[in-house]
Amino acid sequence: GAAIPAATVIVSGAHFVQTFATDETGQYAVSGLLPGHYSV
């Protein structure tokens, strides 16, 4: 249950692929996405 900082998060959708990293508390947030189906 401990947070994993700096994990690589790849978010992809129909016309979107972007890579992020989790912060020091293991959290990530991606805003401004078009509604639809995504994978992480």
Full PDB file with SEQRES, HELIX, SHEET, SSBOND, CRYST1, ORIGX, SCALE, CONECT and MASTER records, all heavy atoms in Angstrom:
SEQRES   1 A   40  GLY ALA ALA ILE PRO ALA ALA THR VAL ILE VAL SER GLY          
SEQRES   2 A   40  ALA HIS PHE VAL GLN THR PHE ALA THR ASP GLU THR GLY          
SEQRES   3 A   40  GLN TYR ALA VAL SER GLY LEU LEU PRO GLY HIS TYR SER          
SEQRES   4 A   40  VAL                                                          
SHEET    1 AA1 3 PHE A  16  ALA A  21  0                                        
SHEET    2 AA1 3 THR A   8  GLY A  13 -1                                        
SHEET    3 AA1 3 TYR A  38  SER A  39 -1                                        
CRYST1    1.000    1.000    1.000  90.00  90.00  90.00 P 1           1          
ORIGX1      1.000000  0.000000  0.000000        0.00000                         
ORIGX2      0.000000  1.000000  0.000000        0.00000                         
ORIGX3      0.000000  0.000000  1.000000        0.00000                         
SCALE1      1.000000  0.000000  0.000000        0.00000                         
SCALE2      0.000000  1.000000  0.000000        0.00000                         
SCALE3      0.000000  0.000000  1.000000        0.00000                         
ATOM      1  N   GLY A   1       0.802  -1.222   0.000  1.00  0.00           N  
ATOM      2  CA  GLY A   1       0.000   0.000   0.000  1.00  0.00           C  
ATOM      3  C   GLY A   1       0.832   1.269   0.000  1.00  0.00           C  
ATOM      4  O   GLY A   1       0.291   2.371   0.024  1.00  0.00           O  
ATOM      5  N   ALA A   2       2.166   1.129  -0.012  1.00  0.00           N  
ATOM      6  CA  ALA A   2       3.045   2.306  -0.037  1.00  0.00           C  
ATOM      7  C   ALA A   2       3.059   2.909  -1.444  1.00  0.00           C  
ATOM      8  O   ALA A   2       3.023   2.189  -2.447  1.00  0.00           O  
ATOM      9  CB  ALA A   2       4.463   1.921   0.375  1.00  0.00           C  
ATOM     10  N   ALA A   3       3.099   4.218  -1.506  1.00  0.00           N  
ATOM     11  CA  ALA A   3       3.106   4.928  -2.781  1.00  0.00           C  
ATOM     12  C   ALA A   3       4.390   4.644  -3.560  1.00  0.00           C  
ATOM     13  O   ALA A   3       5.452   4.455  -2.974  1.00  0.00           O  
ATOM     14  CB  ALA A   3       2.975   6.427  -2.535  1.00  0.00           C  
ATOM     15  N   ILE A   4       4.265   4.603  -4.883  1.00  0.00           N  
ATOM     16  CA  ILE A   4       5.423   4.430  -5.766  1.00  0.00           C  
ATOM     17  C   ILE A   4       5.632   5.740  -6.525  1.00  0.00           C  
ATOM     18  O   ILE A   4       4.917   6.036  -7.478  1.00  0.00           O  
ATOM     19  CB  ILE A   4       5.216   3.272  -6.762  1.00  0.00           C  
ATOM     20  CG1 ILE A   4       4.972   1.965  -6.009  1.00  0.00           C  
ATOM     21  CG2 ILE A   4       6.422   3.153  -7.690  1.00  0.00           C  
ATOM     22  CD1 ILE A   4       4.685   0.781  -6.908  1.00  0.00           C  
ATOM     23  N   PRO A   5       6.598   6.548  -6.083  1.00  0.00           N  
ATOM     24  CA  PRO A   5       6.871   7.790  -6.800  1.00  0.00           C  
ATOM     25  C   PRO A   5       7.647   7.517  -8.089  1.00  0.00           C  
ATOM     26  O   PRO A   5       8.340   6.508  -8.210  1.00  0.00           O  
ATOM     27  CB  PRO A   5       7.720   8.591  -5.809  1.00  0.00           C  
ATOM     28  CG  PRO A   5       8.328   7.574  -4.912  1.00  0.00           C  
ATOM     29  CD  PRO A   5       7.393   6.396  -4.884  1.00  0.00           C  
ATOM     30  N   ALA A   6       7.523   8.398  -9.045  1.00  0.00           N  
ATOM     31  CA  ALA A   6       8.245   8.362 -10.321  1.00  0.00           C  
ATOM     32  C   ALA A   6       7.928   7.125 -11.159  1.00  0.00           C  
ATOM     33  O   ALA A   6       8.719   6.738 -12.010  1.00  0.00           O  
ATOM     34  CB  ALA A   6       9.744   8.499 -10.105  1.00  0.00           C  
ATOM     35  N   ALA A   7       6.770   6.517 -10.955  1.00  0.00           N  
ATOM     36  CA  ALA A   7       6.343   5.426 -11.832  1.00  0.00           C  
ATOM     37  C   ALA A   7       5.936   6.047 -13.171  1.00  0.00           C  
ATOM     38  O   ALA A   7       5.397   7.152 -13.217  1.00  0.00           O  
ATOM     39  CB  ALA A   7       5.172   4.666 -11.219  1.00  0.00           C  
ATOM     40  N   THR A   8       6.187   5.337 -14.255  1.00  0.00           N  
ATOM     41  CA  THR A   8       5.813   5.815 -15.583  1.00  0.00           C  
ATOM     42  C   THR A   8       4.378   5.415 -15.877  1.00  0.00           C  
ATOM     43  O   THR A   8       4.018   4.246 -15.771  1.00  0.00           O  
ATOM     44  CB  THR A   8       6.745   5.213 -16.653  1.00  0.00           C  
ATOM     45  OG1 THR A   8       8.083   5.589 -16.342  1.00  0.00           O  
ATOM     46  CG2 THR A   8       6.376   5.699 -18.039  1.00  0.00           C  
ATOM     47  N   VAL A   9       3.553   6.405 -16.233  1.00  0.00           N  
ATOM     48  CA  VAL A   9       2.138   6.183 -16.548  1.00  0.00           C  
ATOM     49  C   VAL A   9       1.917   6.605 -17.999  1.00  0.00           C  
ATOM     50  O   VAL A   9       2.173   7.749 -18.358  1.00  0.00           O  
ATOM     51  CB  VAL A   9       1.229   7.003 -15.604  1.00  0.00           C  
ATOM     52  CG1 VAL A   9      -0.230   6.789 -15.941  1.00  0.00           C  
ATOM     53  CG2 VAL A   9       1.517   6.672 -14.152  1.00  0.00           C  
ATOM     54  N   ILE A  10       1.451   5.664 -18.818  1.00  0.00           N  
ATOM     55  CA  ILE A  10       1.177   5.956 -20.229  1.00  0.00           C  
ATOM     56  C   ILE A  10      -0.333   5.893 -20.415  1.00  0.00           C  
ATOM     57  O   ILE A  10      -0.945   4.845 -20.224  1.00  0.00           O  
ATOM     58  CB  ILE A  10       1.865   4.951 -21.166  1.00  0.00           C  
ATOM     59  CG1 ILE A  10       3.373   4.949 -20.911  1.00  0.00           C  
ATOM     60  CG2 ILE A  10       1.550   5.279 -22.625  1.00  0.00           C  
ATOM     61  CD1 ILE A  10       4.096   3.797 -21.566  1.00  0.00           C  
ATOM     62  N   VAL A  11      -0.929   7.026 -20.764  1.00  0.00           N  
ATOM     63  CA  VAL A  11      -2.374   7.118 -20.985  1.00  0.00           C  
ATOM     64  C   VAL A  11      -2.597   7.173 -22.492  1.00  0.00           C  
ATOM     65  O   VAL A  11      -1.984   7.984 -23.181  1.00  0.00           O  
ATOM     66  CB  VAL A  11      -2.959   8.376 -20.300  1.00  0.00           C  
ATOM     67  CG1 VAL A  11      -4.443   8.508 -20.589  1.00  0.00           C  
ATOM     68  CG2 VAL A  11      -2.685   8.338 -18.806  1.00  0.00           C  
ATOM     69  N   SER A  12      -3.474   6.301 -22.996  1.00  0.00           N  
ATOM     70  CA  SER A  12      -3.745   6.304 -24.427  1.00  0.00           C  
ATOM     71  C   SER A  12      -5.232   6.170 -24.702  1.00  0.00           C  
ATOM     72  O   SER A  12      -5.955   5.502 -23.964  1.00  0.00           O  
ATOM     73  CB  SER A  12      -2.964   5.194 -25.126  1.00  0.00           C  
ATOM     74  OG  SER A  12      -3.277   3.935 -24.573  1.00  0.00           O  
ATOM     75  N   GLY A  13      -5.648   6.862 -25.746  1.00  0.00           N  
ATOM     76  CA  GLY A  13      -7.035   6.829 -26.202  1.00  0.00           C  
ATOM     77  C   GLY A  13      -7.041   6.796 -27.715  1.00  0.00           C  
ATOM     78  O   GLY A  13      -5.997   6.582 -28.344  1.00  0.00           O  
ATOM     79  N   ALA A  14      -8.198   7.029 -28.303  1.00  0.00           N  
ATOM     80  CA  ALA A  14      -8.335   6.957 -29.762  1.00  0.00           C  
ATOM     81  C   ALA A  14      -7.351   7.880 -30.485  1.00  0.00           C  
ATOM     82  O   ALA A  14      -6.735   7.492 -31.467  1.00  0.00           O  
ATOM     83  CB  ALA A  14      -9.765   7.290 -30.171  1.00  0.00           C  
ATOM     84  N   HIS A  15      -7.187   9.093 -30.018  1.00  0.00           N  
ATOM     85  CA  HIS A  15      -6.301  10.057 -30.683  1.00  0.00           C  
ATOM     86  C   HIS A  15      -5.362  10.700 -29.673  1.00  0.00           C  
ATOM     87  O   HIS A  15      -5.026  11.885 -29.800  1.00  0.00           O  
ATOM     88  CB  HIS A  15      -7.123  11.146 -31.382  1.00  0.00           C  
ATOM     89  CG  HIS A  15      -8.084  10.582 -32.385  1.00  0.00           C  
ATOM     90  ND1 HIS A  15      -7.676  10.058 -33.583  1.00  0.00           N  
ATOM     91  CD2 HIS A  15      -9.422  10.427 -32.353  1.00  0.00           C  
ATOM     92  CE1 HIS A  15      -8.719   9.615 -34.247  1.00  0.00           C  
ATOM     93  NE2 HIS A  15      -9.798   9.829 -33.524  1.00  0.00           N  
ATOM     94  N   PHE A  16      -4.956   9.932 -28.660  1.00  0.00           N  
ATOM     95  CA  PHE A  16      -4.171  10.521 -27.580  1.00  0.00           C  
ATOM     96  C   PHE A  16      -3.243   9.468 -26.994  1.00  0.00           C  
ATOM     97  O   PHE A  16      -3.672   8.370 -26.657  1.00  0.00           O  
ATOM     98  CB  PHE A  16      -5.126  11.028 -26.492  1.00  0.00           C  
ATOM     99  CG  PHE A  16      -4.438  11.644 -25.308  1.00  0.00           C  
ATOM    100  CD1 PHE A  16      -4.109  12.984 -25.313  1.00  0.00           C  
ATOM    101  CD2 PHE A  16      -4.135  10.893 -24.189  1.00  0.00           C  
ATOM    102  CE1 PHE A  16      -3.483  13.556 -24.216  1.00  0.00           C  
ATOM    103  CE2 PHE A  16      -3.509  11.455 -23.097  1.00  0.00           C  
ATOM    104  CZ  PHE A  16      -3.181  12.798 -23.104  1.00  0.00           C  
ATOM    105  N   VAL A  17      -1.966   9.795 -26.884  1.00  0.00           N  
ATOM    106  CA  VAL A  17      -1.001   8.978 -26.150  1.00  0.00           C  
ATOM    107  C   VAL A  17      -0.041   9.944 -25.482  1.00  0.00           C  
ATOM    108  O   VAL A  17       0.541  10.803 -26.146  1.00  0.00           O  
ATOM    109  CB  VAL A  17      -0.202   8.024 -27.064  1.00  0.00           C  
ATOM    110  CG1 VAL A  17       0.870   7.291 -26.265  1.00  0.00           C  
ATOM    111  CG2 VAL A  17      -1.108   7.040 -27.758  1.00  0.00           C  
ATOM    112  N   GLN A  18       0.082   9.824 -24.173  1.00  0.00           N  
ATOM    113  CA  GLN A  18       1.004  10.701 -23.469  1.00  0.00           C  
ATOM    114  C   GLN A  18       1.561   9.975 -22.259  1.00  0.00           C  
ATOM    115  O   GLN A  18       0.879   9.170 -21.630  1.00  0.00           O  
ATOM    116  CB  GLN A  18       0.325  12.003 -23.053  1.00  0.00           C  
ATOM    117  CG  GLN A  18       1.335  13.057 -22.665  1.00  0.00           C  
ATOM    118  CD  GLN A  18       0.781  14.462 -22.768  1.00  0.00           C  
ATOM    119  OE1 GLN A  18      -0.336  14.678 -23.183  1.00  0.00           O  
ATOM    120  NE2 GLN A  18       1.577  15.422 -22.390  1.00  0.00           N  
ATOM    121  N   THR A  19       2.804  10.283 -21.931  1.00  0.00           N  
ATOM    122  CA  THR A  19       3.493   9.653 -20.810  1.00  0.00           C  
ATOM    123  C   THR A  19       3.640  10.658 -19.681  1.00  0.00           C  
ATOM    124  O   THR A  19       3.995  11.811 -19.901  1.00  0.00           O  
ATOM    125  CB  THR A  19       4.879   9.155 -21.261  1.00  0.00           C  
ATOM    126  OG1 THR A  19       4.702   8.246 -22.348  1.00  0.00           O  
ATOM    127  CG2 THR A  19       5.596   8.445 -20.138  1.00  0.00           C  
ATOM    128  N   PHE A  20       3.367  10.180 -18.469  1.00  0.00           N  
ATOM    129  CA  PHE A  20       3.466  11.003 -17.265  1.00  0.00           C  
ATOM    130  C   PHE A  20       4.252  10.231 -16.225  1.00  0.00           C  
ATOM    131  O   PHE A  20       4.494   9.036 -16.381  1.00  0.00           O  
ATOM    132  CB  PHE A  20       2.067  11.300 -16.702  1.00  0.00           C  
ATOM    133  CG  PHE A  20       1.151  11.977 -17.682  1.00  0.00           C  
ATOM    134  CD1 PHE A  20       0.335  11.235 -18.522  1.00  0.00           C  
ATOM    135  CD2 PHE A  20       1.116  13.348 -17.773  1.00  0.00           C  
ATOM    136  CE1 PHE A  20      -0.491  11.841 -19.428  1.00  0.00           C  
ATOM    137  CE2 PHE A  20       0.290  13.975 -18.685  1.00  0.00           C  
ATOM    138  CZ  PHE A  20      -0.522  13.216 -19.513  1.00  0.00           C  
ATOM    139  N   ALA A  21       4.602  10.892 -15.146  1.00  0.00           N  
ATOM    140  CA  ALA A  21       5.242  10.228 -14.003  1.00  0.00           C  
ATOM    141  C   ALA A  21       4.428  10.547 -12.762  1.00  0.00           C  
ATOM    142  O   ALA A  21       3.882  11.646 -12.629  1.00  0.00           O  
ATOM    143  CB  ALA A  21       6.679  10.711 -13.834  1.00  0.00           C  
ATOM    144  N   THR A  22       4.350   9.575 -11.857  1.00  0.00           N  
ATOM    145  CA  THR A  22       3.653   9.834 -10.605  1.00  0.00           C  
ATOM    146  C   THR A  22       4.480  10.796  -9.761  1.00  0.00           C  
ATOM    147  O   THR A  22       5.706  10.847  -9.878  1.00  0.00           O  
ATOM    148  CB  THR A  22       3.410   8.529  -9.820  1.00  0.00           C  
ATOM    149  OG1 THR A  22       4.661   7.886  -9.583  1.00  0.00           O  
ATOM    150  CG2 THR A  22       2.486   7.591 -10.578  1.00  0.00           C  
ATOM    151  N   ASP A  23       3.806  11.554  -8.919  1.00  0.00           N  
ATOM    152  CA  ASP A  23       4.518  12.492  -8.043  1.00  0.00           C  
ATOM    153  C   ASP A  23       5.085  11.746  -6.836  1.00  0.00           C  
ATOM    154  O   ASP A  23       5.029  10.516  -6.761  1.00  0.00           O  
ATOM    155  CB  ASP A  23       3.612  13.665  -7.646  1.00  0.00           C  
ATOM    156  CG  ASP A  23       2.431  13.258  -6.780  1.00  0.00           C  
ATOM    157  OD1 ASP A  23       2.391  12.125  -6.268  1.00  0.00           O  
ATOM    158  OD2 ASP A  23       1.512  14.091  -6.620  1.00  0.00           O  
ATOM    159  N   GLU A  24       5.613  12.489  -5.867  1.00  0.00           N  
ATOM    160  CA  GLU A  24       6.250  11.869  -4.701  1.00  0.00           C  
ATOM    161  C   GLU A  24       5.272  11.084  -3.828  1.00  0.00           C  
ATOM    162  O   GLU A  24       5.680  10.257  -3.027  1.00  0.00           O  
ATOM    163  CB  GLU A  24       6.995  12.914  -3.858  1.00  0.00           C  
ATOM    164  CG  GLU A  24       6.114  14.001  -3.264  1.00  0.00           C  
ATOM    165  CD  GLU A  24       5.797  15.132  -4.240  1.00  0.00           C  
ATOM    166  OE1 GLU A  24       6.383  15.198  -5.336  1.00  0.00           O  
ATOM    167  OE2 GLU A  24       4.935  15.948  -3.897  1.00  0.00           O  
ATOM    168  N   THR A  25       3.971  11.303  -4.018  1.00  0.00           N  
ATOM    169  CA  THR A  25       2.962  10.551  -3.260  1.00  0.00           C  
ATOM    170  C   THR A  25       2.343   9.437  -4.104  1.00  0.00           C  
ATOM    171  O   THR A  25       1.338   8.843  -3.712  1.00  0.00           O  
ATOM    172  CB  THR A  25       1.858  11.485  -2.729  1.00  0.00           C  
ATOM    173  OG1 THR A  25       1.177  12.077  -3.833  1.00  0.00           O  
ATOM    174  CG2 THR A  25       2.416  12.570  -1.834  1.00  0.00           C  
ATOM    175  N   GLY A  26       2.930   9.166  -5.278  1.00  0.00           N  
ATOM    176  CA  GLY A  26       2.448   8.097  -6.146  1.00  0.00           C  
ATOM    177  C   GLY A  26       1.221   8.458  -6.963  1.00  0.00           C  
ATOM    178  O   GLY A  26       0.625   7.602  -7.599  1.00  0.00           O  
ATOM    179  N   GLN A  27       0.839   9.726  -6.962  1.00  0.00           N  
ATOM    180  CA  GLN A  27      -0.376  10.137  -7.658  1.00  0.00           C  
ATOM    181  C   GLN A  27      -0.072  10.698  -9.053  1.00  0.00           C  
ATOM    182  O   GLN A  27       0.998  11.233  -9.294  1.00  0.00           O  
ATOM    183  CB  GLN A  27      -1.114  11.188  -6.841  1.00  0.00           C  
ATOM    184  CG  GLN A  27      -1.599  10.639  -5.515  1.00  0.00           C  
ATOM    185  CD  GLN A  27      -2.400  11.666  -4.743  1.00  0.00           C  
ATOM    186  OE1 GLN A  27      -3.204  12.387  -5.313  1.00  0.00           O  
ATOM    187  NE2 GLN A  27      -2.188  11.717  -3.436  1.00  0.00           N  
ATOM    188  N   TYR A  28      -1.065  10.553  -9.930  1.00  0.00           N  
ATOM    189  CA  TYR A  28      -0.999  11.166 -11.251  1.00  0.00           C  
ATOM    190  C   TYR A  28      -2.386  11.699 -11.585  1.00  0.00           C  
ATOM    191  O   TYR A  28      -3.389  11.237 -11.051  1.00  0.00           O  
ATOM    192  CB  TYR A  28      -0.535  10.170 -12.320  1.00  0.00           C  
ATOM    193  CG  TYR A  28      -1.530   9.073 -12.611  1.00  0.00           C  
ATOM    194  CD1 TYR A  28      -2.454   9.202 -13.643  1.00  0.00           C  
ATOM    195  CD2 TYR A  28      -1.571   7.912 -11.840  1.00  0.00           C  
ATOM    196  CE1 TYR A  28      -3.379   8.204 -13.903  1.00  0.00           C  
ATOM    197  CE2 TYR A  28      -2.494   6.906 -12.106  1.00  0.00           C  
ATOM    198  CZ  TYR A  28      -3.389   7.059 -13.129  1.00  0.00           C  
ATOM    199  OH  TYR A  28      -4.306   6.077 -13.390  1.00  0.00           O  
ATOM    200  N   ALA A  29      -2.435  12.706 -12.438  1.00  0.00           N  
ATOM    201  CA  ALA A  29      -3.707  13.275 -12.893  1.00  0.00           C  
ATOM    202  C   ALA A  29      -3.507  13.823 -14.302  1.00  0.00           C  
ATOM    203  O   ALA A  29      -2.510  14.482 -14.585  1.00  0.00           O  
ATOM    204  CB  ALA A  29      -4.184  14.380 -11.962  1.00  0.00           C  
ATOM    205  N   VAL A  30      -4.453  13.489 -15.170  1.00  0.00           N  
ATOM    206  CA  VAL A  30      -4.431  13.975 -16.550  1.00  0.00           C  
ATOM    207  C   VAL A  30      -5.781  14.630 -16.785  1.00  0.00           C  
ATOM    208  O   VAL A  30      -6.816  13.966 -16.732  1.00  0.00           O  
ATOM    209  CB  VAL A  30      -4.235  12.818 -17.558  1.00  0.00           C  
ATOM    210  CG1 VAL A  30      -4.074  13.369 -18.952  1.00  0.00           C  
ATOM    211  CG2 VAL A  30      -3.064  11.947 -17.158  1.00  0.00           C  
ATOM    212  N   SER A  31      -5.792  15.927 -17.017  1.00  0.00           N  
ATOM    213  CA  SER A  31      -7.064  16.630 -17.230  1.00  0.00           C  
ATOM    214  C   SER A  31      -7.146  17.112 -18.675  1.00  0.00           C  
ATOM    215  O   SER A  31      -6.173  17.074 -19.415  1.00  0.00           O  
ATOM    216  CB  SER A  31      -7.203  17.793 -16.255  1.00  0.00           C  
ATOM    217  OG  SER A  31      -6.123  18.677 -16.402  1.00  0.00           O  
ATOM    218  N   GLY A  32      -8.323  17.549 -19.061  1.00  0.00           N  
ATOM    219  CA  GLY A  32      -8.529  18.071 -20.399  1.00  0.00           C  
ATOM    220  C   GLY A  32      -8.677  16.995 -21.461  1.00  0.00           C  
ATOM    221  O   GLY A  32      -8.503  17.267 -22.646  1.00  0.00           O  
ATOM    222  N   LEU A  33      -9.001  15.765 -21.048  1.00  0.00           N  
ATOM    223  CA  LEU A  33      -9.158  14.672 -22.014  1.00  0.00           C  
ATOM    224  C   LEU A  33     -10.545  14.698 -22.637  1.00  0.00           C  
ATOM    225  O   LEU A  33     -11.534  15.011 -21.970  1.00  0.00           O  
ATOM    226  CB  LEU A  33      -8.950  13.324 -21.315  1.00  0.00           C  
ATOM    227  CG  LEU A  33      -7.558  13.084 -20.735  1.00  0.00           C  
ATOM    228  CD1 LEU A  33      -7.543  11.822 -19.896  1.00  0.00           C  
ATOM    229  CD2 LEU A  33      -6.540  12.997 -21.843  1.00  0.00           C  
ATOM    230  N   LEU A  34     -10.614  14.348 -23.902  1.00  0.00           N  
ATOM    231  CA  LEU A  34     -11.911  14.216 -24.562  1.00  0.00           C  
ATOM    232  C   LEU A  34     -12.613  12.982 -24.016  1.00  0.00           C  
ATOM    233  O   LEU A  34     -11.967  11.986 -23.701  1.00  0.00           O  
ATOM    234  CB  LEU A  34     -11.728  14.077 -26.074  1.00  0.00           C  
ATOM    235  CG  LEU A  34     -11.228  15.316 -26.807  1.00  0.00           C  
ATOM    236  CD1 LEU A  34     -10.912  14.975 -28.251  1.00  0.00           C  
ATOM    237  CD2 LEU A  34     -12.252  16.429 -26.729  1.00  0.00           C  
ATOM    238  N   PRO A  35     -13.921  13.016 -23.884  1.00  0.00           N  
ATOM    239  CA  PRO A  35     -14.647  11.824 -23.428  1.00  0.00           C  
ATOM    240  C   PRO A  35     -14.388  10.656 -24.380  1.00  0.00           C  
ATOM    241  O   PRO A  35     -14.215  10.854 -25.583  1.00  0.00           O  
ATOM    242  CB  PRO A  35     -16.112  12.261 -23.484  1.00  0.00           C  
ATOM    243  CG  PRO A  35     -16.073  13.747 -23.408  1.00  0.00           C  
ATOM    244  CD  PRO A  35     -14.807  14.155 -24.105  1.00  0.00           C  
ATOM    245  N   GLY A  36     -14.333   9.455 -23.838  1.00  0.00           N  
ATOM    246  CA  GLY A  36     -14.105   8.274 -24.661  1.00  0.00           C  
ATOM    247  C   GLY A  36     -13.476   7.154 -23.876  1.00  0.00           C  
ATOM    248  O   GLY A  36     -13.442   7.167 -22.645  1.00  0.00           O  
ATOM    249  N   HIS A  37     -12.940   6.181 -24.601  1.00  0.00           N  
ATOM    250  CA  HIS A  37     -12.321   4.999 -24.009  1.00  0.00           C  
ATOM    251  C   HIS A  37     -10.810   5.187 -23.955  1.00  0.00           C  
ATOM    252  O   HIS A  37     -10.198   5.586 -24.944  1.00  0.00           O  
ATOM    253  CB  HIS A  37     -12.662   3.752 -24.833  1.00  0.00           C  
ATOM    254  CG  HIS A  37     -14.121   3.442 -24.817  1.00  0.00           C  
ATOM    255  ND1 HIS A  37     -14.687   2.615 -23.882  1.00  0.00           N  
ATOM    256  CD2 HIS A  37     -15.137   3.866 -25.596  1.00  0.00           C  
ATOM    257  CE1 HIS A  37     -15.985   2.530 -24.096  1.00  0.00           C  
ATOM    258  NE2 HIS A  37     -16.288   3.293 -25.142  1.00  0.00           N  
ATOM    259  N   TYR A  38     -10.221   4.852 -22.811  1.00  0.00           N  
ATOM    260  CA  TYR A  38      -8.786   5.011 -22.601  1.00  0.00           C  
ATOM    261  C   TYR A  38      -8.210   3.773 -21.939  1.00  0.00           C  
ATOM    262  O   TYR A  38      -8.934   2.966 -21.351  1.00  0.00           O  
ATOM    263  CB  TYR A  38      -8.504   6.233 -21.712  1.00  0.00           C  
ATOM    264  CG  TYR A  38      -8.747   7.545 -22.404  1.00  0.00           C  
ATOM    265  CD1 TYR A  38     -10.026   8.084 -22.486  1.00  0.00           C  
ATOM    266  CD2 TYR A  38      -7.707   8.247 -22.993  1.00  0.00           C  
ATOM    267  CE1 TYR A  38     -10.259   9.285 -23.139  1.00  0.00           C  
ATOM    268  CE2 TYR A  38      -7.932   9.457 -23.647  1.00  0.00           C  
ATOM    269  CZ  TYR A  38      -9.209   9.966 -23.708  1.00  0.00           C  
ATOM    270  OH  TYR A  38      -9.426  11.148 -24.357  1.00  0.00           O  
ATOM    271  N   SER A  39      -6.887   3.649 -22.037  1.00  0.00           N  
ATOM    272  CA  SER A  39      -6.177   2.616 -21.297  1.00  0.00           C  
ATOM    273  C   SER A  39      -4.978   3.259 -20.617  1.00  0.00           C  
ATOM    274  O   SER A  39      -4.501   4.316 -21.040  1.00  0.00           O  
ATOM    275  CB  SER A  39      -5.744   1.466 -22.205  1.00  0.00           C  
ATOM    276  OG  SER A  39      -4.804   1.917 -23.146  1.00  0.00           O  
ATOM    277  N   VAL A  40      -4.515   2.603 -19.553  1.00  0.00           N  
ATOM    278  CA  VAL A  40      -3.388   3.105 -18.778  1.00  0.00           C  
ATOM    279  C   VAL A  40      -2.389   1.966 -18.615  1.00  0.00           C  
ATOM    280  O   VAL A  40      -2.771   0.855 -18.242  1.00  0.00           O  
ATOM    281  CB  VAL A  40      -3.842   3.593 -17.387  1.00  0.00           C  
ATOM    282  CG1 VAL A  40      -2.659   4.016 -16.543  1.00  0.00           C  
ATOM    283  CG2 VAL A  40      -4.830   4.733 -17.505  1.00  0.00           C  
TER     284      VAL A  40                                                      
MASTER        0    0    0    0    3    0    0    6  283    1    0    4          
END                                                                             
